[in-house]
Amino acid sequence: MPTYSALTTLDGKTPAETLGEAMERMDPAPTGVGVFEIEDDSGLWEVGAYFLDAPDDTSLAVLAAAFGAKAFVVSQVPDLDWVAEVRRELHPVRAGRFFVYGSHDADKVPGDVEPLLIEAAMAFGTGHHGTTKGCLEAFERLLQSGEAPGKVADIGCGTAVLAMAAARVLPGTMLAADIDEVAVEVAEANVVANGLVDRVECIEAAGFGHADLEAAAPFDLVFANILKGPLIDLAPQMAQHMARGGVAILSGLLTHQADEVAGVYQRHGFNLENKAEIVDWATLTLRFNP
């Protein structure tokens, strides 16, 4: 059975969120609405919705005009087994000692790696994206230098792949936090699948805003693989919750955004130790020396 998507762009977060709320009241109602910042420094936001039946063109035109958005682009979404499609495209990824794979590639796991099972059906980062690979490689460099961080947090954890990587090689309990309830559920499922229930605690929180994170601070290592805007907003909290000499591994950044984010963190007491690039994505390694 085909479904339909309707997408538009407009300036500003507030108008975009308000448009998204208005789309939820359409008839026929969409099955889901998403509002996302386009990470190209344009200031544009994308608003999209999915429908089981073809959306009403007149209603979409009225909404676009009312909110100053571009005309909606409506497309029919093919009726495909998307998990199977993703599995065909996702191959195992090795980053240092870490090996990220799906269950369909379980027979390809080498014997000399730290395996991280992330299913293709799971949203919020399978580990195959350049940002996650960059974070794992930055963590590998830290380990290779002889460091063994004691307290670790993964902020904006998604699938919790980074927290699980830390749990594979470090003692103690890793804290994996995400603002999205569904992401936390996905993280918990992955923790179970990887046999790390006693080693990774999954938390629903915005930034460091949770009692367990407050109690565990200061941290020796914090992963934050999110986006430029949230990373900049997180900088003051990061400084407040980081141990002196601790390391922040940041990604979710396009290469041209990395220097701006590094500059913000430097103003909060962090020194840039490494900037690595994988295609269009950058990963920063910063040390807290206020």
Protein backbone atom coordinates (compact mmCIF):
# COMPACT_ATOMS: atom_id res chain seq x y z
CA MET A 1 0.00 0.00 0.00
CA PRO A 2 1.58 3.31 -1.03
CA THR A 3 1.99 6.20 1.38
CA TYR A 4 2.61 9.88 0.71
CA SER A 5 5.07 12.48 1.93
CA ALA A 6 4.70 16.27 1.90
CA LEU A 7 7.81 18.41 2.48
CA THR A 8 8.52 22.12 2.66
CA THR A 9 11.11 24.54 4.06
CA LEU A 10 10.87 27.90 5.78
CA ASP A 11 12.91 30.32 7.89
CA GLY A 12 13.04 29.99 11.66
CA LYS A 13 12.42 27.39 14.35
CA THR A 14 9.23 28.84 15.81
CA PRO A 15 7.35 29.17 12.50
CA ALA A 16 8.47 25.67 11.53
CA GLU A 17 7.26 24.15 14.79
CA THR A 18 3.96 26.02 14.54
CA LEU A 19 3.48 24.80 10.97
CA GLY A 20 4.20 21.25 12.12
CA GLU A 21 1.51 21.56 14.80
CA ALA A 22 -0.95 22.89 12.21
CA MET A 23 -0.25 19.94 9.90
CA GLU A 24 -1.21 17.53 12.68
CA ARG A 25 -4.74 18.94 12.49
CA MET A 26 -5.13 18.28 8.75
CA ASP A 27 -7.85 16.04 7.33
CA PRO A 28 -6.76 13.44 6.38
CA ALA A 29 -4.41 13.58 9.36
CA PRO A 30 -0.79 12.61 8.79
CA THR A 31 0.62 9.50 10.45
CA GLY A 32 3.66 11.50 11.51
CA VAL A 33 5.12 15.01 11.34
CA GLY A 34 8.77 15.99 11.56
CA VAL A 35 10.44 19.38 12.03
CA PHE A 36 14.20 19.55 11.46
CA GLU A 37 16.83 22.25 11.14
CA ILE A 38 18.77 22.00 7.89
CA GLU A 39 22.39 21.88 9.04
CA ASP A 40 23.93 24.07 6.36
CA ASP A 41 23.91 27.41 8.22
CA SER A 42 21.10 28.67 5.99
CA GLY A 43 18.66 29.15 8.87
CA LEU A 44 16.09 27.04 7.03
CA TRP A 45 13.96 24.38 8.66
CA GLU A 46 12.31 21.42 6.96
CA VAL A 47 8.78 20.40 7.84
CA GLY A 48 7.48 17.11 6.56
CA ALA A 49 4.59 14.73 7.07
CA TYR A 50 3.59 11.23 6.00
CA PHE A 51 0.05 10.28 4.99
CA LEU A 52 -1.74 6.99 4.35
CA ASP A 53 -3.97 8.77 1.81
CA ALA A 54 -3.00 11.51 -0.64
CA PRO A 55 -2.99 14.84 1.25
CA ASP A 56 -5.29 17.65 0.14
CA ASP A 57 -3.33 19.98 -2.17
CA THR A 58 -5.50 23.00 -1.29
CA SER A 59 -4.93 22.53 2.45
CA LEU A 60 -1.18 22.28 1.91
CA ALA A 61 -1.16 25.41 -0.26
CA VAL A 62 -3.09 27.35 2.39
CA LEU A 63 -0.70 26.23 5.14
CA ALA A 64 2.37 27.12 3.06
CA ALA A 65 0.99 30.60 2.35
CA ALA A 66 -0.07 31.17 5.96
CA PHE A 67 3.38 30.37 7.35
CA GLY A 68 5.53 31.81 4.59
CA ALA A 69 6.82 28.40 3.56
CA LYS A 70 7.78 27.18 0.13
CA ALA A 71 5.18 25.18 -1.77
CA PHE A 72 4.90 21.63 -0.47
CA VAL A 73 6.44 18.89 -2.56
CA VAL A 74 4.18 15.83 -2.41
CA SER A 75 5.58 12.43 -3.34
CA GLN A 76 4.28 8.89 -3.33
CA VAL A 77 6.50 6.69 -1.16
CA PRO A 78 7.14 3.25 -2.68
CA ASP A 79 5.77 0.26 -0.78
CA LEU A 80 9.08 -1.35 0.15
CA ASP A 81 10.49 -3.42 2.96
CA TRP A 82 12.69 -0.59 4.20
CA VAL A 83 14.53 -2.71 6.77
CA ALA A 84 15.54 -5.13 4.03
CA GLU A 85 16.58 -2.20 1.83
CA VAL A 86 18.72 -0.71 4.61
CA ARG A 87 20.30 -4.07 5.37
CA ARG A 88 21.40 -4.38 1.75
CA GLU A 89 23.15 -1.02 2.01
CA LEU A 90 24.64 -1.34 5.51
CA HIS A 91 27.86 -3.26 5.76
CA PRO A 92 29.87 -3.89 8.94
CA VAL A 93 32.05 -1.00 10.04
CA ARG A 94 35.38 -1.33 11.82
CA ALA A 95 36.71 1.61 13.82
CA GLY A 96 39.87 0.64 15.66
CA ARG A 97 39.04 -2.33 17.86
CA PHE A 98 35.30 -1.75 17.51
CA PHE A 99 33.14 -3.62 14.99
CA VAL A 100 29.59 -2.37 14.35
CA TYR A 101 27.31 -4.85 12.63
CA GLY A 102 23.70 -5.99 12.19
CA SER A 103 22.45 -9.47 12.97
CA HIS A 104 22.37 -10.20 9.22
CA ASP A 105 26.18 -9.89 9.28
CA ALA A 106 26.77 -11.88 12.48
CA ASP A 107 28.85 -14.42 10.54
CA LYS A 108 31.32 -11.68 9.58
CA VAL A 109 32.39 -10.63 13.09
CA PRO A 110 36.15 -11.19 13.47
CA GLY A 111 37.52 -12.77 16.60
CA ASP A 112 39.82 -9.89 17.51
CA VAL A 113 37.26 -7.07 17.89
CA GLU A 114 34.87 -5.55 20.39
CA PRO A 115 31.51 -6.31 18.70
CA LEU A 116 28.61 -3.84 18.76
CA LEU A 117 25.32 -5.20 17.47
CA ILE A 118 23.03 -2.47 16.09
CA GLU A 119 20.02 -3.56 14.06
CA ALA A 120 19.20 -1.85 10.78
CA ALA A 121 15.63 -1.45 12.01
CA MET A 122 16.81 0.78 14.86
CA ALA A 123 16.65 4.54 14.27
CA PHE A 124 18.91 7.23 15.71
CA GLY A 125 22.24 6.11 14.29
CA THR A 126 23.25 2.61 13.27
CA GLY A 127 26.96 3.24 13.76
CA HIS A 128 27.58 3.33 10.02
CA HIS A 129 27.34 7.11 9.78
CA GLY A 130 30.60 9.06 9.49
CA THR A 131 29.92 10.87 12.75
CA THR A 132 29.59 7.69 14.82
CA LYS A 133 32.61 6.14 13.14
CA GLY A 134 34.53 9.35 13.84
CA CYS A 135 33.62 9.18 17.54
CA LEU A 136 34.67 5.54 17.78
CA GLU A 137 37.98 6.31 16.08
CA ALA A 138 38.55 9.27 18.44
CA PHE A 139 37.84 6.96 21.39
CA GLU A 140 40.30 4.44 19.97
CA ARG A 141 43.00 7.13 19.79
CA LEU A 142 42.32 8.00 23.43
CA LEU A 143 42.68 4.37 24.47
CA GLN A 144 45.82 3.94 22.39
CA SER A 145 47.38 6.87 24.23
CA GLY A 146 47.02 4.93 27.47
CA GLU A 147 44.05 6.76 28.95
CA ALA A 148 41.27 4.86 30.73
CA PRO A 149 38.48 7.31 31.63
CA GLY A 150 36.67 6.48 34.84
CA LYS A 151 33.29 8.18 34.48
CA VAL A 152 31.69 8.22 31.04
CA ALA A 153 28.51 9.80 29.65
CA ASP A 154 26.99 9.60 26.18
CA ILE A 155 24.78 12.67 25.71
CA GLY A 156 22.27 12.42 22.85
CA CYS A 157 23.04 8.72 22.79
CA GLY A 158 20.66 7.55 20.05
CA THR A 159 21.29 3.80 19.81
CA ALA A 160 23.81 4.01 22.70
CA VAL A 161 26.53 2.61 20.45
CA LEU A 162 29.17 4.93 21.98
CA ALA A 163 28.21 4.14 25.57
CA MET A 164 28.31 0.44 24.72
CA ALA A 165 31.73 0.82 23.12
CA ALA A 166 32.98 2.36 26.37
CA ALA A 167 31.38 -0.46 28.37
CA ARG A 168 33.23 -3.02 26.26
CA VAL A 169 36.64 -1.75 27.34
CA LEU A 170 36.23 0.25 30.56
CA PRO A 171 35.04 -0.74 34.05
CA GLY A 172 32.02 0.79 35.75
CA THR A 173 28.62 1.91 34.49
CA MET A 174 28.27 4.15 31.44
CA LEU A 175 25.41 6.66 31.36
CA ALA A 176 23.57 7.00 28.02
CA ALA A 177 21.11 9.91 27.85
CA ASP A 178 18.78 11.16 25.14
CA ILE A 179 16.03 13.76 25.08
CA ASP A 180 13.85 11.51 22.88
CA GLU A 181 11.80 8.83 24.65
CA VAL A 182 11.87 6.53 21.62
CA ALA A 183 15.65 6.85 21.37
CA VAL A 184 15.96 5.77 25.00
CA GLU A 185 13.78 2.72 24.28
CA VAL A 186 15.98 1.89 21.28
CA ALA A 187 19.10 2.33 23.41
CA GLU A 188 17.73 0.01 26.09
CA ALA A 189 16.92 -2.65 23.48
CA ASN A 190 20.44 -2.45 22.10
CA VAL A 191 21.96 -2.69 25.56
CA VAL A 192 19.99 -5.89 26.14
CA ALA A 193 20.96 -7.30 22.73
CA ASN A 194 24.64 -6.70 23.49
CA GLY A 195 24.51 -8.24 26.96
CA LEU A 196 25.39 -4.97 28.70
CA VAL A 197 22.36 -4.47 30.94
CA ASP A 198 24.51 -4.10 34.06
CA ARG A 199 27.04 -1.85 32.32
CA VAL A 200 25.00 0.84 30.53
CA GLU A 201 22.23 2.88 32.16
CA CYS A 202 19.85 4.57 29.71
CA ILE A 203 18.28 7.87 30.79
CA GLU A 204 15.72 10.23 29.26
CA ALA A 205 17.19 13.70 29.75
CA ALA A 206 17.87 17.00 28.02
CA GLY A 207 21.61 17.48 28.16
CA PHE A 208 22.84 16.74 31.68
CA GLY A 209 19.42 17.42 33.19
CA HIS A 210 18.91 14.24 35.21
CA ALA A 211 19.60 13.35 38.85
CA ASP A 212 21.74 10.34 37.88
CA LEU A 213 23.93 12.48 35.62
CA GLU A 214 24.28 15.14 38.31
CA ALA A 215 25.24 12.52 40.89
CA ALA A 216 27.84 10.89 38.63
CA ALA A 217 29.56 14.13 37.56
CA PRO A 218 32.25 15.22 37.03
CA PHE A 219 32.90 13.03 33.99
CA ASP A 220 36.27 11.98 32.58
CA LEU A 221 34.84 11.37 29.11
CA VAL A 222 31.70 12.69 27.43
CA PHE A 223 30.50 11.72 23.97
CA ALA A 224 28.06 14.09 22.26
CA ASN A 225 27.19 13.10 18.70
CA ILE A 226 24.31 15.48 18.02
CA LEU A 227 24.16 18.64 15.83
CA LYS A 228 25.89 22.00 15.73
CA GLY A 229 23.15 24.00 17.45
CA PRO A 230 22.62 21.60 20.37
CA LEU A 231 26.38 21.19 20.78
CA ILE A 232 26.84 24.93 21.12
CA ASP A 233 23.97 25.13 23.60
CA LEU A 234 25.51 22.24 25.56
CA ALA A 235 28.93 23.88 26.04
CA PRO A 236 28.23 25.59 29.41
CA GLN A 237 26.71 22.40 30.83
CA MET A 238 29.63 20.39 29.50
CA ALA A 239 32.10 22.60 31.32
CA GLN A 240 30.09 22.33 34.54
CA HIS A 241 29.99 18.53 34.43
CA MET A 242 33.50 17.74 33.14
CA ALA A 243 36.41 16.73 35.36
CA ARG A 244 39.57 18.79 35.00
CA GLY A 245 41.62 17.07 32.32
CA GLY A 246 38.54 15.26 31.03
CA VAL A 247 37.84 14.72 27.34
CA ALA A 248 34.83 15.62 25.21
CA ILE A 249 34.39 13.82 21.89
CA LEU A 250 31.94 15.82 19.76
CA SER A 251 30.42 15.09 16.37
CA GLY A 252 27.29 15.50 14.29
CA LEU A 253 29.12 18.33 12.57
CA LEU A 254 29.66 19.17 8.94
CA THR A 255 33.30 19.94 8.27
CA HIS A 256 32.67 23.67 7.83
CA GLN A 257 30.92 23.84 11.23
CA ALA A 258 33.73 22.29 13.27
CA ASP A 259 35.85 25.40 13.84
CA GLU A 260 32.88 27.41 15.11
CA VAL A 261 31.94 24.72 17.63
CA ALA A 262 35.56 24.28 18.70
CA GLY A 263 35.78 28.04 19.29
CA VAL A 264 32.71 28.00 21.54
CA TYR A 265 34.15 25.15 23.62
CA GLN A 266 37.53 26.85 23.85
CA ARG A 267 35.78 29.82 25.45
CA HIS A 268 34.43 27.42 28.07
CA GLY A 269 37.82 26.03 29.03
CA PHE A 270 38.38 23.27 26.46
CA ASN A 271 41.49 22.87 24.32
CA LEU A 272 41.21 21.28 20.89
CA GLU A 273 43.42 18.18 20.69
CA ASN A 274 42.22 16.67 17.42
CA LYS A 275 39.91 17.35 14.50
CA ALA A 276 39.22 14.42 12.20
CA GLU A 277 37.15 14.38 9.03
CA ILE A 278 35.28 11.54 7.33
CA VAL A 279 33.89 12.71 4.00
CA ASP A 280 31.68 15.72 4.93
CA TRP A 281 31.65 15.10 8.70
CA ALA A 282 33.98 16.24 11.45
CA THR A 283 34.75 14.90 14.93
CA LEU A 284 36.38 17.02 17.61
CA THR A 285 38.41 15.81 20.58
CA LEU A 286 38.69 18.49 23.29
CA ARG A 287 40.29 18.43 26.73
CA PHE A 288 38.93 20.43 29.66
CA ASN A 289 41.67 22.62 31.15
CA PRO A 290 39.94 25.68 32.64
